Amino acid sequence: MAYVIGNDCVACGTCIDECPVSAISEGEIYSINPDACTECGACAAVCPSEAISLP
């Protein structure tokens, strides 16, 4: 199951560079492509607002 980005996202961009498969897209609230996510958790580990988690 792919990681998801919740409403606590502050769109800081920290997670984008950490994703090894470029599954994260920018926006007011960033989003993760569930088909591309490999569930590595790199994005969640660096999120300063703890907005990224498994559903």
Protein backbone atom coordinates (compact mmCIF):
# COMPACT_ATOMS: atom_id res chain seq x y z
CA MET A 1 0.00 0.00 0.00
CA ALA A 2 1.46 3.36 -1.04
CA TYR A 3 2.24 6.23 1.30
CA VAL A 4 -0.16 9.18 1.29
CA ILE A 5 0.31 12.86 2.07
CA GLY A 6 -2.29 14.34 4.41
CA ASN A 7 -3.68 17.80 5.03
CA ASP A 8 -0.80 18.69 7.36
CA CYS A 9 1.44 19.05 4.28
CA VAL A 10 3.04 22.51 4.17
CA ALA A 11 4.36 22.04 0.58
CA CYS A 12 7.98 22.59 1.65
CA GLY A 13 9.38 20.25 -1.02
CA THR A 14 11.63 18.27 1.32
CA CYS A 15 10.08 14.95 0.32
CA ILE A 16 10.46 15.36 -3.45
CA ASP A 17 14.24 14.99 -3.51
CA GLU A 18 14.10 11.98 -1.19
CA CYS A 19 11.79 9.89 -3.40
CA PRO A 20 13.96 7.46 -5.42
CA VAL A 21 11.20 6.85 -8.00
CA SER A 22 9.90 10.43 -8.41
CA ALA A 23 6.42 9.46 -7.25
CA ILE A 24 5.68 12.79 -5.53
CA SER A 25 3.97 15.66 -7.34
CA GLU A 26 3.94 19.30 -6.27
CA GLY A 27 0.75 21.16 -5.43
CA GLU A 28 -0.92 23.09 -2.64
CA ILE A 29 -0.80 19.73 -0.89
CA TYR A 30 1.71 17.38 -2.47
CA SER A 31 0.56 13.97 -3.68
CA ILE A 32 2.09 10.54 -4.15
CA ASN A 33 1.38 8.42 -7.21
CA PRO A 34 0.29 5.09 -5.67
CA ASP A 35 1.31 3.16 -8.79
CA ALA A 36 4.89 4.45 -8.59
CA CYS A 37 5.39 4.43 -4.80
CA THR A 38 7.65 1.60 -3.62
CA GLU A 39 6.78 2.11 0.06
CA CYS A 40 10.41 2.81 0.98
CA GLY A 41 9.42 5.46 3.55
CA ALA A 42 12.17 7.92 2.63
CA CYS A 43 9.62 10.71 2.18
CA ALA A 44 7.95 10.09 5.54
CA ALA A 45 11.30 10.06 7.31
CA VAL A 46 12.13 13.62 6.20
CA CYS A 47 8.70 15.26 6.38
CA PRO A 48 8.93 18.09 8.93
CA SER A 49 5.17 18.21 9.48
CA GLU A 50 4.75 14.43 9.71
CA ALA A 51 2.11 14.62 6.96
CA ILE A 52 3.22 11.44 5.15
CA SER A 53 2.06 8.04 6.34
CA LEU A 54 0.71 4.69 5.28
CA PRO A 55 -3.10 4.66 5.07
